[in-house]
Protein backbone atom coordinates (compact mmCIF):
# COMPACT_ATOMS: atom_id res chain seq x y z
CA MET A 1 46.04 52.52 -3.23
CA GLN A 2 46.00 49.48 -0.93
CA ASP A 3 47.72 51.77 2.03
CA LEU A 4 45.51 54.69 1.04
CA SER A 5 42.19 52.39 1.81
CA ARG A 6 43.98 50.98 4.51
CA SER A 7 44.35 54.81 6.18
CA LEU A 8 40.98 55.73 5.22
CA PHE A 9 38.94 52.96 6.08
CA PRO A 10 41.14 51.18 8.72
CA PRO A 11 40.19 47.46 9.24
CA GLY A 12 38.48 46.32 12.76
CA ALA A 13 35.18 48.43 13.39
CA SER A 14 32.55 45.80 14.33
CA ARG A 15 28.84 46.40 14.67
CA HIS A 16 29.03 46.95 18.12
CA ASP A 17 31.86 49.78 17.49
CA TRP A 18 29.37 51.34 15.19
CA ALA A 19 26.64 51.04 17.71
CA ILE A 20 29.06 52.87 20.28
CA ASP A 21 30.04 55.72 18.17
CA GLY A 22 26.49 56.32 16.55
CA GLY A 23 25.48 56.61 20.59
CA MET A 24 28.08 58.78 20.98
CA ALA A 25 27.37 60.98 17.92
CA LEU A 26 23.54 61.18 19.49
CA GLY A 27 24.88 61.55 22.70
CA MET A 28 26.94 64.96 21.85
CA MET A 29 24.48 66.05 19.07
CA SER A 30 21.44 66.22 21.96
CA PHE A 31 23.61 68.83 24.25
CA THR A 32 25.35 70.35 21.18
CA VAL A 33 22.82 70.62 18.30
CA LEU A 34 19.42 70.74 20.17
CA PRO A 35 20.17 74.27 21.96
CA PHE A 36 20.73 75.91 18.78
CA VAL A 37 17.51 74.31 17.43
CA ILE A 38 15.42 75.48 20.58
CA GLY A 39 16.95 78.74 19.96
CA ILE A 40 16.30 79.77 16.30
CA GLY A 41 12.73 78.42 17.24
CA MET A 42 12.02 80.56 19.97
CA GLY A 43 13.43 83.39 18.14
CA MET A 44 16.13 84.48 20.99
CA SER A 45 18.89 85.17 19.22
CA ASP A 46 21.03 86.03 15.72
CA PRO A 47 19.27 83.37 13.56
CA LEU A 48 22.10 84.06 10.69
CA ARG A 49 24.65 83.06 13.75
CA ASP A 50 23.17 80.25 15.38
CA ILE A 51 22.50 78.97 11.65
CA ALA A 52 26.03 79.04 11.12
CA MET A 53 26.60 77.61 14.57
CA LEU A 54 24.15 74.44 14.39
CA VAL A 55 25.71 73.55 10.73
CA GLY A 56 29.25 73.57 12.39
CA SER A 57 27.86 71.85 15.82
CA THR A 58 26.13 69.42 13.56
CA LEU A 59 29.27 68.44 11.40
CA MET A 60 31.57 67.70 14.25
CA ALA A 61 28.61 65.60 16.03
CA VAL A 62 27.71 63.53 12.91
CA SER A 63 31.70 63.16 11.97
CA VAL A 64 32.00 60.90 15.43
CA VAL A 65 30.02 57.96 13.59
CA ALA A 66 33.29 57.17 11.76
CA ARG A 67 35.55 57.41 14.99
CA ARG A 68 36.89 53.84 13.87
CA HIS A 69 35.62 52.84 10.76
CA ALA A 70 37.31 56.20 8.60
CA PRO A 71 38.76 58.31 11.40
CA LEU A 72 40.35 60.37 8.19
CA LEU A 73 36.61 61.21 7.03
CA MET A 74 36.11 62.01 10.94
CA MET A 75 38.85 64.48 10.74
CA ALA A 76 38.00 65.90 7.40
CA GLY A 77 34.16 66.79 8.92
CA VAL A 78 35.37 68.26 12.41
CA ILE A 79 37.88 70.66 10.11
CA ALA A 80 34.36 71.57 7.58
CA GLY A 81 32.22 71.97 10.73
CA GLY A 82 35.53 74.02 12.38
CA ILE A 83 35.39 76.02 9.53
CA VAL A 84 31.54 76.89 9.45
CA MET A 85 31.76 77.55 13.26
CA LEU A 86 34.08 80.40 12.87
CA ILE A 87 31.36 82.73 10.51
CA GLY A 88 29.57 83.17 13.78
CA SER A 89 31.38 81.98 17.14
CA THR A 90 32.50 84.25 19.49
CA GLY A 91 34.25 81.51 21.44
CA PRO A 92 34.23 77.62 22.38
CA LEU A 93 31.17 75.44 22.23
CA PRO A 94 30.71 72.05 23.64
CA ALA A 95 30.83 70.61 20.13
CA LEU A 96 34.82 71.53 20.22
CA LEU A 97 34.70 68.05 22.06
CA ALA A 98 35.01 66.51 18.88
CA VAL A 99 38.66 67.77 18.45
CA PRO A 100 40.13 66.02 20.98
CA LEU A 101 38.34 62.39 20.06
CA THR A 102 39.17 63.15 16.89
CA ALA A 103 42.75 63.64 17.33
CA TYR A 104 42.72 60.33 19.74
CA ALA A 105 41.12 58.18 16.87
CA VAL A 106 43.30 59.48 13.96
CA ALA A 107 46.53 58.45 16.10
CA ARG A 108 45.27 55.46 17.41
CA ARG A 109 44.01 54.00 13.71
CA VAL A 110 45.88 55.60 11.07
CA PRO A 111 49.42 54.57 10.02
CA GLY A 112 52.24 55.98 9.06
CA ARG A 113 53.14 59.88 8.63
CA ILE A 114 48.91 60.40 7.61
CA SER A 115 48.20 60.36 11.16
CA ARG A 116 49.94 63.98 11.67
CA THR A 117 48.13 65.73 9.87
CA VAL A 118 45.54 65.83 12.55
CA LEU A 119 48.49 68.03 14.52
CA TYR A 120 48.71 70.31 11.59
CA ALA A 121 45.08 71.01 10.97
CA GLY A 122 45.18 71.35 15.16
CA GLY A 123 47.65 73.51 14.93
CA VAL A 124 46.03 76.04 12.36
CA GLY A 125 42.98 76.23 15.05
CA SER A 126 44.72 76.51 17.71
CA ILE A 127 45.38 79.63 16.49
CA ALA A 128 42.66 80.69 14.31
CA GLY A 129 39.83 79.93 17.15
CA PRO A 130 41.30 81.78 19.73
CA LEU A 131 41.91 84.82 17.27
CA GLN A 132 38.18 84.98 15.96
CA TRP A 133 37.07 84.40 19.83
CA VAL A 134 39.32 87.39 20.41
CA LEU A 135 38.78 89.66 17.33
CA PHE A 136 35.16 89.63 17.47
CA SER A 137 33.93 88.95 21.00
CA GLY A 138 34.53 92.40 21.93
CA TRP A 139 37.65 91.87 23.93
CA PHE A 140 39.79 93.43 21.52
CA TYR A 141 39.41 97.39 21.25
CA PRO A 142 41.14 100.61 20.54
CA GLY A 143 42.80 101.61 23.39
CA SER A 144 42.94 97.89 25.18
CA ASP A 145 45.71 96.48 26.83
CA TRP A 146 47.54 94.92 23.91
CA PRO A 147 50.05 92.96 26.04
CA SER A 148 47.49 91.41 28.26
CA VAL A 149 45.36 90.60 25.02
CA SER A 150 47.99 88.59 23.55
CA THR A 151 48.84 86.92 26.60
CA TYR A 152 45.43 85.88 26.95
CA LEU A 153 45.07 85.07 22.93
CA LEU A 154 48.56 82.75 23.57
CA ILE A 155 47.32 80.81 26.60
CA LEU A 156 44.10 80.14 24.66
CA ALA A 157 46.17 78.79 21.74
CA PHE A 158 48.37 76.54 24.47
CA LEU A 159 45.20 75.26 25.80
CA CYS A 160 43.50 74.22 22.27
CA PHE A 161 46.74 73.27 20.71
CA GLY A 162 47.30 70.96 24.17
CA ALA A 163 43.62 69.70 23.64
CA VAL A 164 45.02 68.16 19.91
CA VAL A 165 48.31 66.99 21.06
CA THR A 166 47.89 65.16 24.55
CA PRO A 167 44.82 62.72 22.76
CA TYR A 168 47.14 62.46 20.13
CA ALA A 169 50.03 61.26 22.23
CA ILE A 170 47.94 58.78 23.70
CA GLY A 171 46.32 57.06 20.83
CA ARG A 172 49.88 56.91 19.45
CA ARG A 173 51.35 55.04 21.97
CA LEU A 174 48.23 52.71 21.89
CA HIS A 175 49.33 52.37 18.59
CA ASP A 176 52.62 51.29 19.09
CA SER A 177 52.24 49.26 21.53
CA GLU A 178 49.53 47.35 19.57
CA ALA A 179 52.02 47.14 16.59
CA ALA A 180 55.28 45.83 19.18
CA ASN A 181 52.40 43.25 20.50
CA ALA A 182 51.04 42.22 16.73
CA GLN A 183 55.17 41.93 15.55
CA ALA A 184 55.68 40.17 18.70
CA ARG A 185 52.56 37.57 18.25
CA MET A 186 54.03 37.40 14.65
CA ALA A 187 57.68 36.73 15.65
CA VAL A 188 56.14 33.76 18.09
CA TRP A 189 53.85 32.44 15.30
CA GLN A 190 56.90 32.17 12.78
CA ARG A 191 59.33 30.32 15.44
CA GLN A 192 56.25 27.86 16.20
CA GLN A 193 55.92 27.47 12.11
CA LEU A 194 59.70 27.33 12.30
CA GLU A 195 59.57 24.68 15.17
CA ILE A 196 56.94 22.40 13.35
CA ALA A 197 59.01 22.33 9.79
CA GLU A 198 62.15 21.35 12.03
CA ARG A 199 60.15 19.12 13.92
CA GLU A 200 58.28 17.54 10.66
CA GLN A 201 61.98 17.37 8.48
CA ARG A 202 63.54 15.66 11.81
CA ILE A 203 60.35 13.31 11.58
CA ARG A 204 60.80 12.70 7.81
CA SER A 205 64.63 12.09 8.04
CA ALA A 206 63.75 9.42 10.79
CA GLU A 207 61.50 7.91 8.54
CA VAL A 208 63.82 7.74 6.15
CA ASN A 209 66.67 5.98 8.13
CA ALA A 210 64.08 3.74 9.06
CA ARG A 211 63.19 2.82 5.90
CA ASN A 212 66.85 2.34 4.61
CA GLN A 213 67.51 0.61 7.70
CA ILE A 214 64.43 -2.06 6.61
CA ALA A 215 65.64 -1.91 3.25
CA ARG A 216 69.30 -2.85 4.03
CA GLU A 217 68.52 -5.74 6.43
CA LEU A 218 65.60 -7.08 4.60
CA HIS A 219 68.55 -6.81 1.39
CA ASP A 220 71.04 -8.78 2.92
CA ILE A 221 68.23 -11.49 4.55
CA VAL A 222 66.96 -12.07 1.10
CA ALA A 223 69.74 -11.55 -1.15
CA HIS A 224 72.01 -13.81 0.86
CA SER A 225 69.36 -16.47 1.96
CA LEU A 226 68.49 -16.75 -1.72
CA SER A 227 72.03 -16.87 -3.11
CA VAL A 228 72.84 -19.79 -0.76
CA MET A 229 69.90 -21.76 -1.58
CA ILE A 230 70.76 -21.36 -5.27
CA VAL A 231 73.84 -21.91 -5.28
CA GLN A 232 72.81 -25.23 -2.90
CA ALA A 233 70.21 -26.25 -5.48
CA GLU A 234 72.62 -26.32 -8.19
CA GLY A 235 75.20 -28.03 -6.29
CA GLY A 236 72.78 -30.63 -5.17
CA ARG A 237 71.16 -31.15 -8.71
CA ALA A 238 74.83 -32.22 -9.81
CA LEU A 239 75.42 -34.15 -6.74
CA ALA A 240 72.13 -35.83 -6.79
CA ARG A 241 73.33 -37.91 -10.30
CA LYS A 242 76.41 -39.16 -9.24
CA HIS A 243 76.29 -38.95 -4.79
CA PRO A 244 72.88 -39.14 -4.39
CA GLU A 245 73.64 -39.36 -0.52
CA ALA A 246 75.71 -35.91 -0.57
CA ALA A 247 72.45 -34.12 -2.09
CA ALA A 248 70.75 -35.00 0.93
CA GLU A 249 73.02 -32.24 2.59
CA SER A 250 72.23 -29.71 0.06
CA LEU A 251 69.10 -29.84 0.84
CA ASP A 252 69.54 -29.86 4.48
CA VAL A 253 70.97 -26.32 3.72
CA ILE A 254 68.25 -25.08 1.51
CA ALA A 255 65.95 -25.76 3.92
CA GLU A 256 67.63 -24.44 7.03
CA THR A 257 68.51 -21.48 5.34
CA GLY A 258 64.79 -20.73 4.29
CA ARG A 259 63.58 -21.43 7.75
CA GLU A 260 66.34 -18.75 8.94
CA ALA A 261 65.06 -16.19 6.58
CA LEU A 262 61.44 -16.91 7.18
CA GLN A 263 61.88 -16.45 10.88
CA GLU A 264 64.31 -13.57 10.26
CA MET A 265 61.43 -11.95 7.54
CA ARG A 266 58.60 -12.44 10.02
CA ARG A 267 60.61 -10.68 12.53
CA ILE A 268 60.89 -7.16 10.64
CA VAL A 269 57.21 -7.67 9.68
CA GLY A 270 56.23 -7.88 12.81
CA VAL A 271 57.52 -4.86 14.46
CA LEU A 272 56.67 -2.87 11.44
CA ARG A 273 53.63 -3.97 11.63
CA SER A 274 50.71 -2.29 14.01
CA GLY A 275 47.26 -2.45 15.62
CA PRO A 276 45.24 -4.56 17.51
CA GLU A 277 44.82 -7.73 15.50
CA ALA A 278 48.96 -7.02 14.60
CA GLU A 279 50.75 -10.36 16.43
CA PRO A 280 53.27 -9.50 19.15
CA ALA A 281 56.73 -9.41 17.35
CA ALA A 282 59.23 -12.11 18.00
CA PHE A 283 62.50 -10.58 19.46
CA ALA A 284 65.70 -12.27 19.09
CA PRO A 285 69.89 -11.26 19.67
CA ALA A 286 70.31 -9.46 16.48
CA PRO A 287 73.69 -11.70 14.82
CA GLY A 288 76.88 -10.46 15.58
CA LEU A 289 80.63 -11.67 15.48
CA ALA A 290 80.00 -15.18 17.16
CA ASP A 291 77.27 -16.11 14.32
CA LEU A 292 80.51 -15.30 12.04
CA PRO A 293 81.68 -18.97 11.61
CA GLU A 294 77.84 -20.36 10.96
CA LEU A 295 77.59 -17.88 8.62
CA VAL A 296 80.83 -19.06 6.45
CA ARG A 297 79.78 -22.64 6.92
CA ARG A 298 76.01 -22.41 5.76
CA THR A 299 77.18 -20.20 2.95
CA THR A 300 79.42 -21.98 0.88
CA ASP A 301 82.70 -24.78 1.73
CA ARG A 302 84.68 -22.59 -0.43
CA ALA A 303 84.98 -19.89 1.52
CA THR A 304 87.41 -19.60 5.01
CA LEU A 305 87.43 -17.69 7.93
CA ASP A 306 90.50 -15.98 9.58
CA VAL A 307 90.60 -14.34 12.68
CA ARG A 308 93.27 -12.70 14.16
CA GLY A 309 93.60 -10.61 17.39
CA GLN A 310 91.99 -10.89 20.44
CA VAL A 311 88.14 -10.51 20.13
CA PRO A 312 86.86 -7.60 22.39
CA ASP A 313 83.78 -6.90 23.53
CA LEU A 314 82.33 -4.65 20.74
CA PRO A 315 79.03 -2.87 20.56
CA PRO A 316 75.77 -5.28 19.42
CA ALA A 317 75.39 -2.63 16.46
CA LEU A 318 79.25 -2.61 15.63
CA GLY A 319 79.01 -6.72 15.78
CA LEU A 320 76.13 -6.40 13.30
CA THR A 321 77.71 -4.55 10.85
CA VAL A 322 80.61 -7.09 10.73
CA TYR A 323 78.32 -9.68 10.30
CA ARG A 324 76.35 -7.90 7.56
CA ILE A 325 79.76 -6.83 5.53
CA VAL A 326 80.94 -10.54 5.53
CA GLN A 327 77.54 -11.81 4.65
CA GLU A 328 77.10 -9.69 1.48
CA ALA A 329 80.31 -9.54 0.39
CA LEU A 330 79.90 -13.79 0.46
CA THR A 331 76.34 -12.87 -1.71
CA ASN A 332 78.36 -11.27 -3.86
CA PHE A 333 80.77 -13.78 -4.12
CA LEU A 334 78.48 -16.59 -4.82
CA LYS A 335 76.52 -14.67 -7.43
CA HIS A 336 79.68 -13.38 -9.68
CA ALA A 337 82.96 -15.06 -8.54
CA GLY A 338 82.08 -18.32 -10.68
CA PRO A 339 81.54 -21.82 -9.44
CA GLN A 340 85.63 -22.78 -9.21
CA ALA A 341 86.31 -19.44 -7.14
CA THR A 342 87.67 -19.72 -3.59
CA ALA A 343 87.09 -16.54 -0.90
CA ARG A 344 89.01 -15.92 2.28
CA VAL A 345 87.27 -13.97 4.88
CA LEU A 346 89.56 -12.21 7.09
CA VAL A 347 88.71 -10.06 10.15
CA MET A 348 91.46 -9.00 12.31
CA PHE A 349 91.74 -6.94 15.95
CA THR A 350 93.63 -4.08 17.30
CA PRO A 351 93.05 -1.89 19.79
CA GLY A 352 90.19 0.61 19.23
CA ARG A 353 89.77 -0.74 15.38
CA VAL A 354 88.09 -3.99 13.29
CA ASP A 355 89.94 -4.51 10.09
CA LEU A 356 87.37 -6.60 7.64
CA ASP A 357 89.20 -8.14 4.19
CA VAL A 358 86.84 -10.37 1.91
CA SER A 359 88.86 -11.53 -1.35
CA ASP A 360 88.12 -14.42 -3.77
CA ASN A 361 90.07 -15.36 -6.86
CA GLY A 362 87.30 -15.14 -9.09
CA LEU A 363 86.10 -13.56 -12.27
CA GLY A 364 86.51 -9.57 -10.74
CA ALA A 365 86.18 -7.09 -12.96
CA ALA A 366 84.77 -9.69 -16.02
CA ALA A 367 81.91 -10.50 -13.71
CA GLY A 368 78.41 -9.26 -15.26
CA SER A 369 75.99 -7.39 -13.39
CA ASP A 370 72.71 -5.96 -13.69
CA GLY A 371 73.15 -2.72 -11.88
CA ARG A 372 69.96 -3.18 -9.65
CA GLY A 373 71.74 -4.39 -6.83
CA HIS A 374 71.81 -2.38 -3.22
CA GLY A 375 74.31 -4.42 -1.48
CA LEU A 376 77.81 -2.53 -2.20
CA ARG A 377 75.92 0.50 -1.22
CA GLY A 378 73.61 -1.06 1.84
CA MET A 379 77.52 -1.80 2.90
CA ALA A 380 78.73 1.84 2.23
CA GLU A 381 75.68 3.38 4.60
CA ARG A 382 77.16 0.85 7.23
CA VAL A 383 80.45 1.46 7.53
CA GLN A 384 79.25 5.29 7.31
CA ALA A 385 76.68 5.13 10.41
CA MET A 386 79.88 3.42 12.55
CA GLY A 387 82.32 6.07 11.28
CA GLY A 388 84.70 3.70 9.16
CA ARG A 389 86.06 3.86 5.64
CA LEU A 390 84.92 0.94 2.99
CA LEU A 391 86.68 0.27 -0.51
CA ALA A 392 84.99 -2.37 -2.79
CA GLU A 393 86.84 -2.61 -5.90
CA PRO A 394 87.99 -5.95 -8.13
CA HIS A 395 91.97 -6.84 -7.55
CA PRO A 396 94.55 -5.87 -10.34
CA GLU A 397 95.65 -9.77 -10.08
CA GLY A 398 92.07 -10.89 -10.30
CA GLY A 399 88.69 -11.24 -7.69
CA PHE A 400 87.63 -8.67 -6.34
CA ARG A 401 88.07 -7.15 -2.96
CA VAL A 402 86.26 -5.61 0.08
CA ARG A 403 88.26 -4.33 2.70
CA ALA A 404 86.53 -2.43 5.91
CA THR A 405 88.05 -0.35 9.03
CA LEU A 406 85.87 0.02 11.76
CA PRO A 407 87.14 1.68 14.72
CA TYR A 408 85.69 1.29 18.52
CA GLN A 409 86.07 2.57 22.16
CA MET A 410 87.33 -0.01 24.62
CA ARG A 411 84.71 -0.97 26.72
CA GLN A 412 85.84 -2.74 30.52
CA PRO A 413 85.49 -5.18 31.27
CA SER A 414 86.53 -6.74 28.45
CA VAL A 415 84.81 -10.38 27.55
CA ARG A 416 85.92 -12.53 24.83
CA GLN A 417 83.35 -14.22 22.41
CA ASN A 418 82.95 -17.24 21.87
CA VAL A 419 84.71 -17.36 18.40
CA PRO A 420 87.28 -19.67 17.10
CA ALA A 421 90.96 -18.53 16.32
CA ARG A 422 90.45 -20.16 12.44
CA ARG A 423 87.95 -21.57 10.66
CA SER A 424 88.46 -23.37 7.49
C-alpha cells in the first residue's frame, strides 16, 4: 500500500513546483483550449466536433498541474483527453504537447516497472491517433494509393511513438542518476556513521583502559601503604611496652610511608583534575628497578631481595611493572602470610627476559580472604600488557608464590642501574 501511494504521489513537490505547473497548465490552455472556445462562440465550425476537441484539450491541459505531484494521475487525464479527442479530431492538435510532458514526468518520478505503463499507453495512442487522422481526414478513399497511405501512416506512428520514447528515456536516465547519487550519499552517510561509531568505541576503550590503569595505580599505592602502616603500627605497639626506643623507628616508617602515599595520591589526582582552578600536576619519575631495595626495606624486615644477573636498561614501563608486581606481592604477604612468615624476592635478568619470584612460607592456602581484592587481577593485567606470563598460587609445601616472566628487547647502549646485587 505504501509503494502504491508513493507511486501515485511521489514526495518532493513544493509550493514553488505547484506554482510552476499551474502556470504551465494555464499557458497550455491559452493556446489549446481558447481557440475552440472562440470558434464555438462564433459558429465558424462544427459545434459537436469542437466540443469534443475542447473537452479533450482541456483534460490534457489541466492534467499538467499534477506533473510533479501525481504523474500517474496526469497520465490518466491525458489518456482520457486523448480518447475524447479521437471522436472529432482529424489531425494532431497543440494539446498533444502534454504527451511528451507526461512521458517525461512518469519516467522521472515514478519508480519501478509502473513507469513503463506510459510506454504501453503511448504505443496504443501512436497507432490509434494516426489511424484516426488518416481514415477520417479524407486522405484515404477508394482507389487511393494504399502503399503510399500505409507508408504515411507508419511514419506518423513512428513519430508519435518517438515523442513518447525520447522524453521517457531522458526522464529515466535522470531518475536512475538521482537514485545512484542518493545511494552514494547514503553509502557516505553510513560510512561516516561507522567511522563515528568506531571513533566512539576507541574513545570508550581508551577511557576504560585509563580507568583501569588509574585503578591499578591507586590500589597499589593505597593497599601497599596501608598494609605497611598497619603492620608497623601493630609492631610498634608491641615494642612500645618492652623497647620504647625501638617503637620510634616504626613510627618513622609509618610517617614516611604515609607521606609517600600522600604525595603519589596528589600526583594522580592532579593529573585527573582539569579546569582553570586546578593546581598544576606535579610530575615525578615513576618507580622502577632502582627503587626495589627501598621498597623491600620499607615494607618489612621479614623480606629479602635477591637480584641475579646483569641489570639491563629496561624501558620505564617494564621497570614500573616489575616494581608494582613486587609491591603487590609483598602487600599480600603482609596481609595474609601471618606474623611469623618470611618472604624472598628473587629478580633474575637474562638476555631478553626478566623473571620474578616472590615466595613466602606463610599460611598459603589456609589464609583467609574476603574475595574483594583486585591485586592479583591488577598484576595479571600489567603482565599481560607487557606480553608476559604470571602464575600466582599457594605452594604445595606451604606458603604462597608469585612468578612472572616479562620479555623485553635489548636496548643499546646498555646502562647498568644502581641496584645492589644482593640485599637482605
